[in-house]
Every structure is written in C-alpha cells, then in structure tokens.
Amino acid sequence: MLLLWFVVSGRTAAMVEGNITNQMIDAVESRASIINDYVASAEEYMTAFALGSEVRELLLAPEDAELLQKGQKYTEDFAAVKGIF
C-alpha cells in the first residue's frame, strides 16, 4: 500500500508541476507577443514620423529657427493624428 501511495503521489506531483510549467510558458509567450506587437507598432510610427520632410530638413540644419518651428508643428500634428508622443 505504501508503494502504491508513493507511485501515485510522485505521478500526481509530476502532473501538477508539468501543468504549472505549461501555464507559465503560455503566460510568458503571451506577454512576449504583446511586447513584440508594441515594439513593431512603435517602429512603424517612428519610421512614418522620420519620413517627413520637416524632420529631414531640420536634421540637416538644426540651428535654423524656422525649420525648428516647422519641425515642432509637424511633431504636434503627427502626434495629434497618431495619438502618440
């Protein structure tokens, strides 16, 4: 009887451990997917933002006050449309 108890107890513990491990793996994979989607979305936004002529012109002449104003306006407009920044 004692041997049967050890066998059943050992198998039950192994099943519980396997179940918990699988749940933890699923949770980690789910969170990793959410993070990857967020990063991909942020990369798209930043790429779209950087394609603006205002950004390129400002990078070429960062001291130009007029370009700085245009860049600021572009950033505000972009943020209003995309809901970021």
N, C-alpha and C. Protein backbone atom coordinates (compact mmCIF):
# COMPACT_ATOMS: atom_id res chain seq x y z
N MET A 1 0.83 -1.19 0.00
CA MET A 1 0.00 0.00 0.00
C MET A 1 0.88 1.26 0.00
N LEU A 2 1.93 1.21 0.78
CA LEU A 2 2.84 2.35 0.85
C LEU A 2 3.51 2.60 -0.51
N LEU A 3 3.86 1.53 -1.19
CA LEU A 3 4.46 1.66 -2.52
C LEU A 3 3.48 2.31 -3.49
N LEU A 4 2.22 1.90 -3.45
CA LEU A 4 1.19 2.49 -4.31
C LEU A 4 1.04 3.97 -4.02
N TRP A 5 1.06 4.35 -2.75
CA TRP A 5 0.94 5.77 -2.39
C TRP A 5 2.11 6.57 -2.95
N PHE A 6 3.33 6.05 -2.86
CA PHE A 6 4.50 6.75 -3.41
C PHE A 6 4.39 6.92 -4.92
N VAL A 7 3.94 5.90 -5.60
CA VAL A 7 3.81 5.97 -7.06
C VAL A 7 2.76 7.01 -7.45
N VAL A 8 1.60 6.94 -6.84
CA VAL A 8 0.52 7.88 -7.14
C VAL A 8 0.93 9.30 -6.77
N SER A 9 1.55 9.46 -5.63
CA SER A 9 1.99 10.78 -5.19
C SER A 9 3.03 11.36 -6.14
N GLY A 10 3.97 10.55 -6.56
CA GLY A 10 5.00 11.01 -7.48
C GLY A 10 4.43 11.41 -8.82
N ARG A 11 3.51 10.61 -9.33
CA ARG A 11 2.89 10.94 -10.64
C ARG A 11 2.02 12.19 -10.54
N THR A 12 1.30 12.31 -9.45
CA THR A 12 0.45 13.49 -9.27
C THR A 12 1.31 14.75 -9.18
N ALA A 13 2.39 14.68 -8.44
CA ALA A 13 3.29 15.83 -8.32
C ALA A 13 3.89 16.18 -9.68
N ALA A 14 4.25 15.19 -10.47
CA ALA A 14 4.82 15.44 -11.80
C ALA A 14 3.78 16.08 -12.71
N MET A 15 2.53 15.62 -12.63
CA MET A 15 1.46 16.20 -13.47
C MET A 15 1.20 17.66 -13.08
N VAL A 16 1.14 17.92 -11.79
CA VAL A 16 0.90 19.29 -11.32
C VAL A 16 2.05 20.19 -11.74
N GLU A 17 3.27 19.71 -11.58
CA GLU A 17 4.44 20.51 -11.98
C GLU A 17 4.42 20.78 -13.48
N GLY A 18 4.10 19.78 -14.28
CA GLY A 18 4.01 19.97 -15.73
C GLY A 18 2.92 20.96 -16.11
N ASN A 19 1.78 20.88 -15.44
CA ASN A 19 0.68 21.80 -15.72
C ASN A 19 1.06 23.24 -15.38
N ILE A 20 1.67 23.43 -14.24
CA ILE A 20 2.09 24.78 -13.83
C ILE A 20 3.14 25.32 -14.78
N THR A 21 4.08 24.48 -15.17
CA THR A 21 5.12 24.91 -16.11
C THR A 21 4.51 25.33 -17.44
N ASN A 22 3.55 24.56 -17.94
CA ASN A 22 2.89 24.91 -19.20
C ASN A 22 2.13 26.23 -19.08
N GLN A 23 1.47 26.46 -17.96
CA GLN A 23 0.75 27.71 -17.76
C GLN A 23 1.72 28.89 -17.73
N MET A 24 2.85 28.71 -17.09
CA MET A 24 3.83 29.79 -17.02
C MET A 24 4.42 30.08 -18.41
N ILE A 25 4.69 29.04 -19.16
CA ILE A 25 5.21 29.22 -20.53
C ILE A 25 4.19 29.96 -21.39
N ASP A 26 2.91 29.58 -21.28
CA ASP A 26 1.86 30.26 -22.04
C ASP A 26 1.78 31.74 -21.67
N ALA A 27 1.88 32.03 -20.37
CA ALA A 27 1.81 33.43 -19.93
C ALA A 27 2.99 34.24 -20.46
N VAL A 28 4.17 33.66 -20.42
CA VAL A 28 5.36 34.36 -20.91
C VAL A 28 5.26 34.58 -22.42
N GLU A 29 4.83 33.57 -23.16
CA GLU A 29 4.70 33.72 -24.61
C GLU A 29 3.65 34.77 -24.97
N SER A 30 2.57 34.81 -24.21
CA SER A 30 1.53 35.80 -24.46
C SER A 30 2.06 37.22 -24.22
N ARG A 31 2.77 37.41 -23.15
CA ARG A 31 3.33 38.73 -22.85
C ARG A 31 4.41 39.11 -23.86
N ALA A 32 5.19 38.16 -24.28
CA ALA A 32 6.22 38.43 -25.29
C ALA A 32 5.58 38.86 -26.60
N SER A 33 4.48 38.24 -26.94
CA SER A 33 3.77 38.61 -28.17
C SER A 33 3.22 40.04 -28.08
N ILE A 34 2.69 40.40 -26.93
CA ILE A 34 2.18 41.76 -26.73
C ILE A 34 3.31 42.78 -26.85
N ILE A 35 4.45 42.47 -26.25
CA ILE A 35 5.60 43.37 -26.31
C ILE A 35 6.11 43.50 -27.73
N ASN A 36 6.21 42.38 -28.44
CA ASN A 36 6.67 42.42 -29.83
C ASN A 36 5.74 43.25 -30.71
N ASP A 37 4.43 43.10 -30.51
CA ASP A 37 3.47 43.89 -31.27
C ASP A 37 3.63 45.38 -30.97
N TYR A 38 3.83 45.71 -29.71
CA TYR A 38 4.01 47.11 -29.32
C TYR A 38 5.27 47.70 -29.96
N VAL A 39 6.36 46.95 -29.91
CA VAL A 39 7.62 47.43 -30.49
C VAL A 39 7.48 47.61 -32.00
N ALA A 40 6.84 46.66 -32.66
CA ALA A 40 6.65 46.77 -34.11
C ALA A 40 5.81 47.99 -34.45
N SER A 41 4.78 48.23 -33.67
CA SER A 41 3.93 49.40 -33.89
C SER A 41 4.70 50.69 -33.67
N ALA A 42 5.50 50.75 -32.61
CA ALA A 42 6.30 51.94 -32.33
C ALA A 42 7.33 52.18 -33.44
N GLU A 43 7.91 51.12 -33.96
CA GLU A 43 8.86 51.26 -35.07
C GLU A 43 8.18 51.83 -36.30
N GLU A 44 6.95 51.38 -36.58
CA GLU A 44 6.20 51.91 -37.72
C GLU A 44 5.93 53.40 -37.54
N TYR A 45 5.51 53.79 -36.33
CA TYR A 45 5.24 55.20 -36.07
C TYR A 45 6.49 56.05 -36.24
N MET A 46 7.60 55.56 -35.70
CA MET A 46 8.83 56.34 -35.79
C MET A 46 9.33 56.43 -37.24
N THR A 47 9.16 55.35 -38.00
CA THR A 47 9.55 55.38 -39.41
C THR A 47 8.68 56.38 -40.17
N ALA A 48 7.38 56.34 -39.93
CA ALA A 48 6.48 57.27 -40.59
C ALA A 48 6.82 58.71 -40.20
N PHE A 49 7.13 58.93 -38.95
CA PHE A 49 7.49 60.27 -38.48
C PHE A 49 8.77 60.76 -39.15
N ALA A 50 9.76 59.88 -39.23
CA ALA A 50 11.07 60.26 -39.78
C ALA A 50 11.02 60.53 -41.28
N LEU A 51 10.00 60.03 -41.96
CA LEU A 51 9.90 60.23 -43.41
C LEU A 51 9.44 61.65 -43.76
N GLY A 52 8.97 62.39 -42.80
CA GLY A 52 8.51 63.75 -43.07
C GLY A 52 9.65 64.66 -43.51
N SER A 53 9.40 65.48 -44.51
CA SER A 53 10.45 66.38 -45.00
C SER A 53 10.89 67.37 -43.92
N GLU A 54 9.97 67.72 -43.02
CA GLU A 54 10.31 68.64 -41.95
C GLU A 54 11.42 68.06 -41.07
N VAL A 55 11.34 66.78 -40.81
CA VAL A 55 12.34 66.13 -39.96
C VAL A 55 13.69 66.10 -40.67
N ARG A 56 13.68 65.70 -41.94
CA ARG A 56 14.95 65.62 -42.68
C ARG A 56 15.60 66.99 -42.81
N GLU A 57 14.81 68.02 -43.12
CA GLU A 57 15.36 69.37 -43.26
C GLU A 57 15.93 69.86 -41.93
N LEU A 58 15.23 69.58 -40.85
CA LEU A 58 15.70 70.01 -39.54
C LEU A 58 16.99 69.31 -39.15
N LEU A 59 17.11 68.05 -39.51
CA LEU A 59 18.34 67.32 -39.21
C LEU A 59 19.53 67.88 -39.99
N LEU A 60 19.26 68.40 -41.17
CA LEU A 60 20.34 68.98 -41.97
C LEU A 60 20.76 70.36 -41.46
N ALA A 61 19.82 71.08 -40.86
CA ALA A 61 20.13 72.42 -40.35
C ALA A 61 19.47 72.60 -38.98
N PRO A 62 19.99 71.98 -37.93
CA PRO A 62 19.33 72.00 -36.62
C PRO A 62 19.29 73.37 -35.95
N GLU A 63 20.10 74.30 -36.41
CA GLU A 63 20.13 75.63 -35.79
C GLU A 63 19.13 76.60 -36.42
N ASP A 64 18.51 76.22 -37.52
CA ASP A 64 17.58 77.09 -38.25
C ASP A 64 16.27 77.20 -37.45
N ALA A 65 15.95 78.40 -37.00
CA ALA A 65 14.77 78.62 -36.15
C ALA A 65 13.48 78.35 -36.92
N GLU A 66 13.44 78.73 -38.18
CA GLU A 66 12.23 78.50 -38.98
C GLU A 66 11.97 76.99 -39.15
N LEU A 67 13.02 76.25 -39.44
CA LEU A 67 12.88 74.80 -39.57
C LEU A 67 12.52 74.16 -38.24
N LEU A 68 13.02 74.74 -37.17
CA LEU A 68 12.68 74.24 -35.84
C LEU A 68 11.18 74.40 -35.57
N GLN A 69 10.64 75.56 -35.96
CA GLN A 69 9.19 75.81 -35.80
C GLN A 69 8.39 74.82 -36.65
N LYS A 70 8.82 74.62 -37.90
CA LYS A 70 8.13 73.68 -38.78
C LYS A 70 8.20 72.26 -38.20
N GLY A 71 9.35 71.90 -37.69
CA GLY A 71 9.52 70.58 -37.08
C GLY A 71 8.62 70.40 -35.87
N GLN A 72 8.52 71.43 -35.05
CA GLN A 72 7.65 71.38 -33.87
C GLN A 72 6.20 71.22 -34.28
N LYS A 73 5.78 71.99 -35.28
CA LYS A 73 4.40 71.91 -35.76
C LYS A 73 4.11 70.52 -36.34
N TYR A 74 5.08 70.02 -37.13
CA TYR A 74 4.93 68.68 -37.70
C TYR A 74 4.80 67.63 -36.59
N THR A 75 5.61 67.75 -35.56
CA THR A 75 5.57 66.80 -34.45
C THR A 75 4.22 66.85 -33.74
N GLU A 76 3.73 68.05 -33.50
CA GLU A 76 2.43 68.20 -32.83
C GLU A 76 1.30 67.65 -33.69
N ASP A 77 1.33 67.94 -35.00
CA ASP A 77 0.29 67.43 -35.89
C ASP A 77 0.35 65.90 -36.00
N PHE A 78 1.56 65.38 -36.11
CA PHE A 78 1.74 63.94 -36.20
C PHE A 78 1.22 63.26 -34.93
N ALA A 79 1.55 63.83 -33.80
CA ALA A 79 1.12 63.26 -32.53
C ALA A 79 -0.41 63.31 -32.39
N ALA A 80 -1.01 64.37 -32.88
CA ALA A 80 -2.47 64.51 -32.80
C ALA A 80 -3.16 63.44 -33.65
N VAL A 81 -2.60 63.16 -34.81
CA VAL A 81 -3.20 62.17 -35.70
C VAL A 81 -2.95 60.75 -35.19
N LYS A 82 -1.73 60.47 -34.78
CA LYS A 82 -1.37 59.11 -34.36
C LYS A 82 -1.66 58.84 -32.90
N GLY A 83 -1.85 59.88 -32.10
CA GLY A 83 -2.14 59.68 -30.69
C GLY A 83 -0.94 59.19 -29.89
N ILE A 84 0.25 59.63 -30.31
CA ILE A 84 1.47 59.22 -29.61
C ILE A 84 2.27 60.44 -29.22
N PHE A 85 3.44 60.21 -28.70
CA PHE A 85 4.36 61.25 -28.22
C PHE A 85 3.76 61.92 -27.00
